[in-house]
Amino acid sequence: MLIKAQEIFFPSKVGVVLEYKNYDNKNSETGTTRYTISKVNKIGNDIDITYIILKMDKDNKIQFDDEI
């Protein structure tokens, strides 16, 4: 039985997307960073979460793409 104190407090479901907008010191958008959960591996009390990270410029052109 899982009690509330043992539940995970951060995103841990495949398909969840976290998106962050980046701004310069003039408050102009300079790009976006997007993390997508691609794999979740639970073994006992251990959990490994794999993300696909995309870094895009202000025109949504991909500058960086990796799995972490």
PDB file of N, CA and C in Angstrom:
ATOM      1  N   MET A   1       0.837  -1.184   0.000  1.00  0.00           N
ATOM      2  CA  MET A   1       0.000   0.000   0.000  1.00  0.00           C
ATOM      3  C   MET A   1       0.880   1.245   0.000  1.00  0.00           C
ATOM      4  N   LEU A   2       0.570   2.160  -0.884  1.00  0.00           N
ATOM      5  CA  LEU A   2       1.340   3.402  -1.015  1.00  0.00           C
ATOM      6  C   LEU A   2       0.652   4.504  -0.222  1.00  0.00           C
ATOM      7  N   ILE A   3       1.389   5.126   0.689  1.00  0.00           N
ATOM      8  CA  ILE A   3       0.825   6.242   1.437  1.00  0.00           C
ATOM      9  C   ILE A   3       1.312   7.547   0.819  1.00  0.00           C
ATOM     10  N   LYS A   4       0.618   8.635   1.061  1.00  0.00           N
ATOM     11  CA  LYS A   4       0.919   9.924   0.422  1.00  0.00           C
ATOM     12  C   LYS A   4       2.381  10.336   0.530  1.00  0.00           C
ATOM     13  N   ALA A   5       3.007  10.140   1.668  1.00  0.00           N
ATOM     14  CA  ALA A   5       4.402  10.567   1.850  1.00  0.00           C
ATOM     15  C   ALA A   5       5.359   9.807   0.936  1.00  0.00           C
ATOM     16  N   GLN A   6       4.943   8.684   0.378  1.00  0.00           N
ATOM     17  CA  GLN A   6       5.808   7.893  -0.481  1.00  0.00           C
ATOM     18  C   GLN A   6       5.579   8.158  -1.968  1.00  0.00           C
ATOM     19  N   GLU A   7       4.585   8.948  -2.305  1.00  0.00           N
ATOM     20  CA  GLU A   7       4.311   9.232  -3.701  1.00  0.00           C
ATOM     21  C   GLU A   7       5.354  10.187  -4.268  1.00  0.00           C
ATOM     22  N   ILE A   8       5.658  10.030  -5.544  1.00  0.00           N
ATOM     23  CA  ILE A   8       6.652  10.859  -6.223  1.00  0.00           C
ATOM     24  C   ILE A   8       6.100  12.270  -6.373  1.00  0.00           C
ATOM     25  N   PHE A   9       6.920  13.284  -6.107  1.00  0.00           N
ATOM     26  CA  PHE A   9       6.476  14.677  -6.174  1.00  0.00           C
ATOM     27  C   PHE A   9       6.921  15.389  -7.444  1.00  0.00           C
ATOM     28  N   PHE A  10       7.454  14.667  -8.417  1.00  0.00           N
ATOM     29  CA  PHE A  10       7.852  15.273  -9.681  1.00  0.00           C
ATOM     30  C   PHE A  10       7.269  14.436 -10.816  1.00  0.00           C
ATOM     31  N   PRO A  11       7.172  14.985 -12.038  1.00  0.00           N
ATOM     32  CA  PRO A  11       6.588  14.248 -13.156  1.00  0.00           C
ATOM     33  C   PRO A  11       7.307  12.924 -13.394  1.00  0.00           C
ATOM     34  N   SER A  12       6.519  11.865 -13.543  1.00  0.00           N
ATOM     35  CA  SER A  12       7.115  10.538 -13.716  1.00  0.00           C
ATOM     36  C   SER A  12       6.298   9.634 -14.630  1.00  0.00           C
ATOM     37  N   LYS A  13       5.509  10.219 -15.527  1.00  0.00           N
ATOM     38  CA  LYS A  13       4.711   9.422 -16.454  1.00  0.00           C
ATOM     39  C   LYS A  13       5.193   9.655 -17.880  1.00  0.00           C
ATOM     40  N   VAL A  14       5.342   8.568 -18.625  1.00  0.00           N
ATOM     41  CA  VAL A  14       5.767   8.660 -20.024  1.00  0.00           C
ATOM     42  C   VAL A  14       4.808   9.579 -20.778  1.00  0.00           C
ATOM     43  N   GLY A  15       5.381  10.478 -21.573  1.00  0.00           N
ATOM     44  CA  GLY A  15       4.590  11.398 -22.379  1.00  0.00           C
ATOM     45  C   GLY A  15       4.437  12.783 -21.776  1.00  0.00           C
ATOM     46  N   VAL A  16       4.759  12.940 -20.484  1.00  0.00           N
ATOM     47  CA  VAL A  16       4.655  14.256 -19.862  1.00  0.00           C
ATOM     48  C   VAL A  16       5.685  15.197 -20.498  1.00  0.00           C
ATOM     49  N   VAL A  17       5.259  16.413 -20.816  1.00  0.00           N
ATOM     50  CA  VAL A  17       6.136  17.406 -21.432  1.00  0.00           C
ATOM     51  C   VAL A  17       6.262  18.612 -20.500  1.00  0.00           C
ATOM     52  N   LEU A  18       7.503  18.997 -20.220  1.00  0.00           N
ATOM     53  CA  LEU A  18       7.786  20.212 -19.455  1.00  0.00           C
ATOM     54  C   LEU A  18       8.414  21.193 -20.428  1.00  0.00           C
ATOM     55  N   GLU A  19       7.847  22.385 -20.549  1.00  0.00           N
ATOM     56  CA  GLU A  19       8.349  23.357 -21.506  1.00  0.00           C
ATOM     57  C   GLU A  19       8.663  24.663 -20.793  1.00  0.00           C
ATOM     58  N   TYR A  20       9.835  25.184 -21.062  1.00  0.00           N
ATOM     59  CA  TYR A  20      10.302  26.415 -20.439  1.00  0.00           C
ATOM     60  C   TYR A  20      10.673  27.421 -21.524  1.00  0.00           C
ATOM     61  N   LYS A  21      10.181  28.642 -21.397  1.00  0.00           N
ATOM     62  CA  LYS A  21      10.539  29.719 -22.317  1.00  0.00           C
ATOM     63  C   LYS A  21      11.754  30.452 -21.749  1.00  0.00           C
ATOM     64  N   ASN A  22      12.665  30.837 -22.622  1.00  0.00           N
ATOM     65  CA  ASN A  22      13.871  31.559 -22.228  1.00  0.00           C
ATOM     66  C   ASN A  22      13.753  33.013 -22.697  1.00  0.00           C
ATOM     67  N   TYR A  23      14.206  33.922 -21.827  1.00  0.00           N
ATOM     68  CA  TYR A  23      14.100  35.356 -22.121  1.00  0.00           C
ATOM     69  C   TYR A  23      15.435  36.045 -21.873  1.00  0.00           C
ATOM     70  N   ASP A  24      15.673  37.120 -22.621  1.00  0.00           N
ATOM     71  CA  ASP A  24      16.881  37.909 -22.381  1.00  0.00           C
ATOM     72  C   ASP A  24      16.577  38.992 -21.342  1.00  0.00           C
ATOM     73  N   ASN A  25      17.553  39.854 -21.074  1.00  0.00           N
ATOM     74  CA  ASN A  25      17.374  40.875 -20.039  1.00  0.00           C
ATOM     75  C   ASN A  25      16.389  41.970 -20.438  1.00  0.00           C
ATOM     76  N   LYS A  26      15.949  41.985 -21.699  1.00  0.00           N
ATOM     77  CA  LYS A  26      14.929  42.945 -22.147  1.00  0.00           C
ATOM     78  C   LYS A  26      13.541  42.298 -22.191  1.00  0.00           C
ATOM     79  N   ASN A  27      13.453  41.104 -21.612  1.00  0.00           N
ATOM     80  CA  ASN A  27      12.212  40.335 -21.544  1.00  0.00           C
ATOM     81  C   ASN A  27      11.711  39.895 -22.920  1.00  0.00           C
ATOM     82  N   SER A  28      12.625  39.754 -23.882  1.00  0.00           N
ATOM     83  CA  SER A  28      12.274  39.228 -25.193  1.00  0.00           C
ATOM     84  C   SER A  28      12.551  37.729 -25.205  1.00  0.00           C
ATOM     85  N   GLU A  29      11.616  36.982 -25.767  1.00  0.00           N
ATOM     86  CA  GLU A  29      11.795  35.530 -25.825  1.00  0.00           C
ATOM     87  C   GLU A  29      12.975  35.179 -26.732  1.00  0.00           C
ATOM     88  N   THR A  30      13.858  34.326 -26.228  1.00  0.00           N
ATOM     89  CA  THR A  30      15.033  33.918 -27.003  1.00  0.00           C
ATOM     90  C   THR A  30      14.994  32.447 -27.401  1.00  0.00           C
ATOM     91  N   GLY A  31      14.057  31.700 -26.850  1.00  0.00           N
ATOM     92  CA  GLY A  31      13.971  30.295 -27.206  1.00  0.00           C
ATOM     93  C   GLY A  31      13.130  29.505 -26.230  1.00  0.00           C
ATOM     94  N   THR A  32      13.153  28.194 -26.446  1.00  0.00           N
ATOM     95  CA  THR A  32      12.363  27.266 -25.643  1.00  0.00           C
ATOM     96  C   THR A  32      13.209  26.044 -25.337  1.00  0.00           C
ATOM     97  N   THR A  33      13.033  25.525 -24.135  1.00  0.00           N
ATOM     98  CA  THR A  33      13.638  24.248 -23.758  1.00  0.00           C
ATOM     99  C   THR A  33      12.499  23.309 -23.395  1.00  0.00           C
ATOM    100  N   ARG A  34      12.468  22.134 -24.014  1.00  0.00           N
ATOM    101  CA  ARG A  34      11.375  21.179 -23.799  1.00  0.00           C
ATOM    102  C   ARG A  34      11.936  19.827 -23.350  1.00  0.00           C
ATOM    103  N   TYR A  35      11.402  19.331 -22.252  1.00  0.00           N
ATOM    104  CA  TYR A  35      11.756  18.010 -21.737  1.00  0.00           C
ATOM    105  C   TYR A  35      10.540  17.106 -21.877  1.00  0.00           C
ATOM    106  N   THR A  36      10.712  15.950 -22.528  1.00  0.00           N
ATOM    107  CA  THR A  36       9.626  14.984 -22.675  1.00  0.00           C
ATOM    108  C   THR A  36      10.060  13.676 -22.029  1.00  0.00           C
ATOM    109  N   ILE A  37       9.252  13.140 -21.128  1.00  0.00           N
ATOM    110  CA  ILE A  37       9.579  11.862 -20.494  1.00  0.00           C
ATOM    111  C   ILE A  37       9.335  10.759 -21.513  1.00  0.00           C
ATOM    112  N   SER A  38      10.401  10.011 -21.833  1.00  0.00           N
ATOM    113  CA  SER A  38      10.299   8.957 -22.841  1.00  0.00           C
ATOM    114  C   SER A  38      10.305   7.550 -22.252  1.00  0.00           C
ATOM    115  N   LYS A  39      10.906   7.384 -21.077  1.00  0.00           N
ATOM    116  CA  LYS A  39      10.960   6.059 -20.440  1.00  0.00           C
ATOM    117  C   LYS A  39      10.933   6.221 -18.929  1.00  0.00           C
ATOM    118  N   VAL A  40      10.257   5.299 -18.266  1.00  0.00           N
ATOM    119  CA  VAL A  40      10.279   5.232 -16.804  1.00  0.00           C
ATOM    120  C   VAL A  40      10.552   3.780 -16.442  1.00  0.00           C
ATOM    121  N   ASN A  41      11.609   3.567 -15.664  1.00  0.00           N
ATOM    122  CA  ASN A  41      12.001   2.221 -15.254  1.00  0.00           C
ATOM    123  C   ASN A  41      11.999   2.158 -13.733  1.00  0.00           C
ATOM    124  N   LYS A  42      11.073   1.367 -13.173  1.00  0.00           N
ATOM    125  CA  LYS A  42      10.977   1.218 -11.716  1.00  0.00           C
ATOM    126  C   LYS A  42      11.480  -0.162 -11.327  1.00  0.00           C
ATOM    127  N   ILE A  43      12.427  -0.175 -10.403  1.00  0.00           N
ATOM    128  CA  ILE A  43      12.936  -1.425  -9.850  1.00  0.00           C
ATOM    129  C   ILE A  43      12.942  -1.261  -8.331  1.00  0.00           C
ATOM    130  N   GLY A  44      11.999  -1.888  -7.666  1.00  0.00           N
ATOM    131  CA  GLY A  44      11.891  -1.733  -6.219  1.00  0.00           C
ATOM    132  C   GLY A  44      11.617  -0.283  -5.870  1.00  0.00           C
ATOM    133  N   ASN A  45      12.455   0.273  -5.010  1.00  0.00           N
ATOM    134  CA  ASN A  45      12.307   1.676  -4.604  1.00  0.00           C
ATOM    135  C   ASN A  45      13.057   2.634  -5.514  1.00  0.00           C
ATOM    136  N   ASP A  46      13.733   2.107  -6.530  1.00  0.00           N
ATOM    137  CA  ASP A  46      14.520   2.933  -7.444  1.00  0.00           C
ATOM    138  C   ASP A  46      13.695   3.253  -8.684  1.00  0.00           C
ATOM    139  N   ILE A  47      13.855   4.468  -9.182  1.00  0.00           N
ATOM    140  CA  ILE A  47      13.164   4.865 -10.409  1.00  0.00           C
ATOM    141  C   ILE A  47      14.128   5.644 -11.294  1.00  0.00           C
ATOM    142  N   ASP A  48      14.233   5.231 -12.550  1.00  0.00           N
ATOM    143  CA  ASP A  48      15.051   5.925 -13.542  1.00  0.00           C
ATOM    144  C   ASP A  48      14.111   6.537 -14.575  1.00  0.00           C
ATOM    145  N   ILE A  49      14.249   7.845 -14.791  1.00  0.00           N
ATOM    146  CA  ILE A  49      13.402   8.551 -15.752  1.00  0.00           C
ATOM    147  C   ILE A  49      14.287   9.093 -16.863  1.00  0.00           C
ATOM    148  N   THR A  50      13.940   8.766 -18.095  1.00  0.00           N
ATOM    149  CA  THR A  50      14.690   9.223 -19.262  1.00  0.00           C
ATOM    150  C   THR A  50      13.888  10.324 -19.951  1.00  0.00           C
ATOM    151  N   TYR A  51      14.585  11.415 -20.241  1.00  0.00           N
ATOM    152  CA  TYR A  51      13.973  12.560 -20.905  1.00  0.00           C
ATOM    153  C   TYR A  51      14.588  12.762 -22.279  1.00  0.00           C
ATOM    154  N   ILE A  52      13.784  13.257 -23.203  1.00  0.00           N
ATOM    155  CA  ILE A  52      14.292  13.785 -24.466  1.00  0.00           C
ATOM    156  C   ILE A  52      14.280  15.300 -24.284  1.00  0.00           C
ATOM    157  N   ILE A  53      15.421  15.925 -24.504  1.00  0.00           N
ATOM    158  CA  ILE A  53      15.517  17.375 -24.326  1.00  0.00           C
ATOM    159  C   ILE A  53      15.702  18.037 -25.689  1.00  0.00           C
ATOM    160  N   LEU A  54      14.906  19.065 -25.932  1.00  0.00           N
ATOM    161  CA  LEU A  54      15.009  19.855 -27.156  1.00  0.00           C
ATOM    162  C   LEU A  54      15.255  21.298 -26.763  1.00  0.00           C
ATOM    163  N   LYS A  55      16.264  21.899 -27.321  1.00  0.00           N
ATOM    164  CA  LYS A  55      16.545  23.328 -27.132  1.00  0.00           C
ATOM    165  C   LYS A  55      16.309  23.988 -28.477  1.00  0.00           C
ATOM    166  N   MET A  56      15.382  24.952 -28.493  1.00  0.00           N
ATOM    167  CA  MET A  56      15.011  25.598 -29.749  1.00  0.00           C
ATOM    168  C   MET A  56      15.220  27.102 -29.649  1.00  0.00           C
ATOM    169  N   ASP A  57      15.509  27.722 -30.788  1.00  0.00           N
ATOM    170  CA  ASP A  57      15.661  29.177 -30.804  1.00  0.00           C
ATOM    171  C   ASP A  57      14.273  29.829 -30.852  1.00  0.00           C
ATOM    172  N   LYS A  58      14.239  31.153 -30.967  1.00  0.00           N
ATOM    173  CA  LYS A  58      12.962  31.869 -30.934  1.00  0.00           C
ATOM    174  C   LYS A  58      12.046  31.534 -32.108  1.00  0.00           C
ATOM    175  N   ASP A  59      12.612  30.974 -33.190  1.00  0.00           N
ATOM    176  CA  ASP A  59      11.817  30.564 -34.349  1.00  0.00           C
ATOM    177  C   ASP A  59      11.482  29.075 -34.319  1.00  0.00           C
ATOM    178  N   ASN A  60      11.700  28.434 -33.160  1.00  0.00           N
ATOM    179  CA  ASN A  60      11.467  27.001 -32.945  1.00  0.00           C
ATOM    180  C   ASN A  60      12.355  26.104 -33.795  1.00  0.00           C
ATOM    181  N   LYS A  61      13.494  26.627 -34.242  1.00  0.00           N
ATOM    182  CA  LYS A  61      14.476  25.799 -34.945  1.00  0.00           C
ATOM    183  C   LYS A  61      15.289  25.062 -33.879  1.00  0.00           C
ATOM    184  N   ILE A  62      15.401  23.740 -34.006  1.00  0.00           N
ATOM    185  CA  ILE A  62      16.094  22.933 -33.007  1.00  0.00           C
ATOM    186  C   ILE A  62      17.594  23.226 -33.020  1.00  0.00           C
ATOM    187  N   GLN A  63      18.099  23.587 -31.871  1.00  0.00           N
ATOM    188  CA  GLN A  63      19.530  23.872 -31.690  1.00  0.00           C
ATOM    189  C   GLN A  63      20.251  22.707 -31.016  1.00  0.00           C
ATOM    190  N   PHE A  64      19.501  21.926 -30.226  1.00  0.00           N
ATOM    191  CA  PHE A  64      20.073  20.830 -29.462  1.00  0.00           C
ATOM    192  C   PHE A  64      18.982  19.794 -29.244  1.00  0.00           C
ATOM    193  N   ASP A  65      19.342  18.516 -29.390  1.00  0.00           N
ATOM    194  CA  ASP A  65      18.399  17.411 -29.232  1.00  0.00           C
ATOM    195  C   ASP A  65      19.172  16.237 -28.640  1.00  0.00           C
ATOM    196  N   ASP A  66      18.770  15.771 -27.462  1.00  0.00           N
ATOM    197  CA  ASP A  66      19.501  14.684 -26.806  1.00  0.00           C
ATOM    198  C   ASP A  66      18.575  13.936 -25.865  1.00  0.00           C
ATOM    199  N   GLU A  67      19.013  12.755 -25.469  1.00  0.00           N
ATOM    200  CA  GLU A  67      18.292  11.962 -24.487  1.00  0.00           C
ATOM    201  C   GLU A  67      19.132  11.929 -23.221  1.00  0.00           C
ATOM    202  N   ILE A  68      18.510  12.264 -22.096  1.00  0.00           N
ATOM    203  CA  ILE A  68      19.243  12.288 -20.822  1.00  0.00           C
ATOM    204  C   ILE A  68      18.507  11.442 -19.791  1.00  0.00           C
TER     205      ILE A  68
END
